[in-house]
């Protein structure tokens, strides 16, 4: 497999899909990254753990419909052009 722009986009799509399927109660809570973790006080700088949790929640919330569309397009392209 050659290193092309399409393979780079496909790898990014796979990474976003991996973030989108992480489930808080089943997986993230078991490793200590649940919703009750990382609650800071007022005026405190959020830590890296809470920032990553916010990123994961944001990706799951915002990218749900676009991921369905992009995954469908990718599947059709792979079926048509191999």
N, C-alpha and C. Protein backbone atom coordinates (compact mmCIF):
# COMPACT_ATOMS: atom_id res chain seq x y z
N UNK A 1 0.84 -1.17 0.00
CA UNK A 1 0.00 0.00 0.00
C UNK A 1 0.89 1.24 0.00
N UNK A 2 0.64 2.10 -0.92
CA UNK A 2 1.42 3.33 -1.04
C UNK A 2 0.91 4.37 -0.07
N UNK A 3 1.77 5.27 0.29
CA UNK A 3 1.41 6.36 1.19
C UNK A 3 0.81 7.48 0.36
N UNK A 4 -0.52 7.54 0.32
CA UNK A 4 -1.21 8.55 -0.47
C UNK A 4 -2.08 9.40 0.45
N UNK A 5 -2.64 10.44 -0.13
CA UNK A 5 -3.54 11.31 0.62
C UNK A 5 -4.77 10.53 1.06
N UNK A 6 -5.26 9.63 0.19
CA UNK A 6 -6.44 8.84 0.54
C UNK A 6 -6.16 7.93 1.74
N UNK A 7 -5.00 7.31 1.78
CA UNK A 7 -4.68 6.44 2.92
C UNK A 7 -4.50 7.25 4.20
N UNK A 8 -3.99 8.46 4.08
CA UNK A 8 -3.86 9.34 5.24
C UNK A 8 -5.24 9.75 5.76
N UNK A 9 -6.16 10.10 4.85
CA UNK A 9 -7.52 10.44 5.25
C UNK A 9 -8.25 9.24 5.85
N UNK A 10 -8.00 8.08 5.30
CA UNK A 10 -8.62 6.86 5.82
C UNK A 10 -8.10 6.55 7.22
N UNK A 11 -6.83 6.76 7.48
CA UNK A 11 -6.28 6.55 8.83
C UNK A 11 -6.87 7.55 9.82
N UNK A 12 -7.04 8.79 9.40
CA UNK A 12 -7.67 9.79 10.28
C UNK A 12 -9.12 9.42 10.56
N UNK A 13 -9.82 8.93 9.57
CA UNK A 13 -11.20 8.49 9.75
C UNK A 13 -11.28 7.33 10.74
N UNK A 14 -10.35 6.41 10.65
CA UNK A 14 -10.34 5.29 11.58
C UNK A 14 -10.06 5.75 13.01
N UNK A 15 -9.20 6.73 13.17
CA UNK A 15 -8.92 7.26 14.52
C UNK A 15 -10.13 7.97 15.10
N UNK A 16 -10.83 8.76 14.28
CA UNK A 16 -12.03 9.44 14.77
C UNK A 16 -13.12 8.43 15.09
N UNK A 17 -13.23 7.37 14.29
CA UNK A 17 -14.18 6.30 14.60
C UNK A 17 -13.84 5.62 15.91
N UNK A 18 -12.57 5.42 16.17
CA UNK A 18 -12.16 4.79 17.42
C UNK A 18 -12.51 5.65 18.62
N UNK A 19 -12.37 6.96 18.49
CA UNK A 19 -12.75 7.86 19.58
C UNK A 19 -14.26 7.86 19.76
N UNK A 20 -14.99 7.80 18.65
CA UNK A 20 -16.44 7.91 18.71
C UNK A 20 -17.10 6.69 19.34
N UNK A 21 -16.48 5.53 19.29
CA UNK A 21 -17.13 4.34 19.84
C UNK A 21 -16.78 4.08 21.30
N UNK A 22 -15.92 4.88 21.90
CA UNK A 22 -15.61 4.68 23.31
C UNK A 22 -16.84 4.97 24.15
N UNK A 23 -17.21 4.03 24.99
CA UNK A 23 -18.39 4.15 25.83
C UNK A 23 -17.97 4.46 27.26
N UNK A 24 -18.56 5.50 27.85
CA UNK A 24 -18.12 5.94 29.18
C UNK A 24 -18.36 4.90 30.25
N UNK A 25 -19.57 4.33 30.30
CA UNK A 25 -19.88 3.41 31.38
C UNK A 25 -19.18 2.07 31.24
N UNK A 26 -19.00 1.61 30.01
CA UNK A 26 -18.41 0.28 29.82
C UNK A 26 -16.89 0.27 29.81
N UNK A 27 -16.29 1.26 29.18
CA UNK A 27 -14.84 1.22 29.01
C UNK A 27 -14.12 2.29 29.81
N UNK A 28 -14.52 3.53 29.64
CA UNK A 28 -13.77 4.63 30.23
C UNK A 28 -13.85 4.64 31.75
N UNK A 29 -14.99 4.23 32.30
CA UNK A 29 -15.13 4.20 33.76
C UNK A 29 -14.23 3.14 34.37
N UNK A 30 -13.99 2.05 33.66
CA UNK A 30 -13.14 0.98 34.16
C UNK A 30 -11.68 1.40 34.28
N UNK A 31 -11.25 2.33 33.45
CA UNK A 31 -9.86 2.78 33.53
C UNK A 31 -9.73 4.09 34.30
N UNK A 32 -10.84 4.51 34.95
CA UNK A 32 -10.78 5.70 35.78
C UNK A 32 -11.02 7.00 35.05
N UNK A 33 -11.65 6.95 33.90
CA UNK A 33 -11.91 8.15 33.12
C UNK A 33 -13.40 8.41 32.99
N UNK A 34 -14.19 8.10 34.00
CA UNK A 34 -15.63 8.29 33.96
C UNK A 34 -16.01 9.75 34.07
N UNK A 35 -17.31 10.01 34.08
CA UNK A 35 -17.80 11.39 34.14
C UNK A 35 -17.57 12.02 35.50
N UNK A 36 -17.54 11.21 36.55
CA UNK A 36 -17.34 11.79 37.87
C UNK A 36 -15.88 12.12 38.14
N UNK A 37 -14.99 11.72 37.28
CA UNK A 37 -13.57 12.02 37.43
C UNK A 37 -13.27 13.40 36.87
N UNK A 38 -12.30 14.06 37.42
CA UNK A 38 -11.80 15.32 36.86
C UNK A 38 -12.68 16.52 37.13
N UNK A 39 -13.46 16.49 38.19
CA UNK A 39 -14.28 17.65 38.52
C UNK A 39 -13.41 18.61 39.33
N UNK A 40 -13.17 19.77 38.79
CA UNK A 40 -12.30 20.74 39.45
C UNK A 40 -13.11 21.86 40.08
N UNK A 41 -12.43 22.67 40.84
CA UNK A 41 -13.08 23.81 41.47
C UNK A 41 -13.16 25.00 40.52
N UNK A 42 -13.80 26.03 41.00
CA UNK A 42 -13.96 27.24 40.19
C UNK A 42 -12.62 27.96 40.07
N UNK A 43 -12.26 28.33 38.88
CA UNK A 43 -11.05 29.07 38.64
C UNK A 43 -9.81 28.21 38.48
N UNK A 44 -9.94 26.90 38.65
CA UNK A 44 -8.78 26.02 38.48
C UNK A 44 -8.60 25.67 37.01
N UNK A 45 -7.37 25.52 36.64
CA UNK A 45 -7.04 25.11 35.28
C UNK A 45 -7.39 23.63 35.11
N UNK A 46 -8.18 23.27 34.07
CA UNK A 46 -8.51 21.86 33.89
C UNK A 46 -7.26 21.06 33.49
N UNK A 47 -7.17 19.86 34.03
CA UNK A 47 -6.03 19.01 33.73
C UNK A 47 -6.14 18.37 32.36
N UNK A 48 -5.09 17.66 31.99
CA UNK A 48 -5.06 17.01 30.67
C UNK A 48 -6.11 15.91 30.58
N UNK A 49 -6.37 15.25 31.69
CA UNK A 49 -7.36 14.18 31.70
C UNK A 49 -8.76 14.72 31.42
N UNK A 50 -9.13 15.81 32.06
CA UNK A 50 -10.46 16.38 31.83
C UNK A 50 -10.56 16.99 30.43
N UNK A 51 -9.47 17.52 29.91
CA UNK A 51 -9.49 18.05 28.55
C UNK A 51 -9.67 16.93 27.52
N UNK A 52 -9.02 15.79 27.76
CA UNK A 52 -9.20 14.66 26.86
C UNK A 52 -10.62 14.11 26.94
N UNK A 53 -11.19 14.08 28.14
CA UNK A 53 -12.58 13.63 28.28
C UNK A 53 -13.52 14.58 27.56
N UNK A 54 -13.28 15.87 27.64
CA UNK A 54 -14.10 16.84 26.90
C UNK A 54 -13.96 16.64 25.40
N UNK A 55 -12.75 16.34 24.93
CA UNK A 55 -12.54 16.07 23.51
C UNK A 55 -13.30 14.83 23.07
N UNK A 56 -13.25 13.77 23.87
CA UNK A 56 -13.95 12.53 23.53
C UNK A 56 -15.46 12.77 23.49
N UNK A 57 -15.99 13.47 24.50
CA UNK A 57 -17.43 13.77 24.52
C UNK A 57 -17.82 14.64 23.33
N UNK A 58 -16.99 15.60 22.98
CA UNK A 58 -17.30 16.49 21.87
C UNK A 58 -17.30 15.74 20.54
N UNK A 59 -16.33 14.86 20.36
CA UNK A 59 -16.27 14.08 19.12
C UNK A 59 -17.49 13.19 19.01
N UNK A 60 -17.88 12.56 20.12
CA UNK A 60 -19.05 11.69 20.08
C UNK A 60 -20.32 12.47 19.81
N UNK A 61 -20.42 13.68 20.33
CA UNK A 61 -21.64 14.46 20.16
C UNK A 61 -21.71 15.12 18.78
N UNK A 62 -20.65 15.81 18.39
CA UNK A 62 -20.68 16.61 17.18
C UNK A 62 -20.48 15.78 15.91
N UNK A 63 -19.66 14.76 15.98
CA UNK A 63 -19.28 14.03 14.78
C UNK A 63 -20.13 12.81 14.48
N UNK A 64 -21.25 12.63 15.17
CA UNK A 64 -22.06 11.43 14.96
C UNK A 64 -22.60 11.35 13.54
N UNK A 65 -23.34 12.35 13.09
CA UNK A 65 -23.94 12.33 11.75
C UNK A 65 -22.88 12.46 10.66
N UNK A 66 -21.90 13.38 10.78
CA UNK A 66 -20.87 13.43 9.73
C UNK A 66 -20.08 12.13 9.59
N UNK A 67 -19.86 11.43 10.71
CA UNK A 67 -19.15 10.15 10.62
C UNK A 67 -19.96 9.10 9.86
N UNK A 68 -21.25 9.09 10.06
CA UNK A 68 -22.10 8.15 9.32
C UNK A 68 -22.01 8.43 7.83
N UNK A 69 -22.07 9.69 7.46
CA UNK A 69 -22.01 10.07 6.04
C UNK A 69 -20.63 9.75 5.44
N UNK A 70 -19.57 10.13 6.14
CA UNK A 70 -18.22 9.90 5.61
C UNK A 70 -17.90 8.41 5.56
N UNK A 71 -18.34 7.64 6.55
CA UNK A 71 -18.12 6.20 6.51
C UNK A 71 -18.87 5.56 5.34
N UNK A 72 -20.09 6.02 5.08
CA UNK A 72 -20.85 5.48 3.95
C UNK A 72 -20.17 5.79 2.63
N UNK A 73 -19.67 7.02 2.48
CA UNK A 73 -18.96 7.39 1.25
C UNK A 73 -17.70 6.56 1.10
N UNK A 74 -16.98 6.35 2.19
CA UNK A 74 -15.75 5.55 2.14
C UNK A 74 -16.05 4.11 1.74
N UNK A 75 -17.12 3.54 2.28
CA UNK A 75 -17.49 2.16 1.93
C UNK A 75 -17.85 2.06 0.46
N UNK A 76 -18.63 3.03 -0.04
CA UNK A 76 -19.01 3.01 -1.46
C UNK A 76 -17.77 3.14 -2.35
N UNK A 77 -16.87 4.05 -2.00
CA UNK A 77 -15.64 4.21 -2.80
C UNK A 77 -14.79 2.94 -2.80
N UNK A 78 -14.70 2.29 -1.63
CA UNK A 78 -13.93 1.05 -1.58
C UNK A 78 -14.60 -0.07 -2.38
N UNK A 79 -15.92 -0.11 -2.39
CA UNK A 79 -16.60 -1.12 -3.18
C UNK A 79 -16.47 -0.86 -4.68
N UNK A 80 -16.49 0.41 -5.06
CA UNK A 80 -16.41 0.74 -6.50
C UNK A 80 -14.98 0.62 -7.04
N UNK A 81 -14.02 1.14 -6.31
CA UNK A 81 -12.67 1.24 -6.85
C UNK A 81 -11.67 0.29 -6.19
N UNK A 82 -12.10 -0.49 -5.25
CA UNK A 82 -11.24 -1.47 -4.61
C UNK A 82 -10.32 -0.87 -3.67
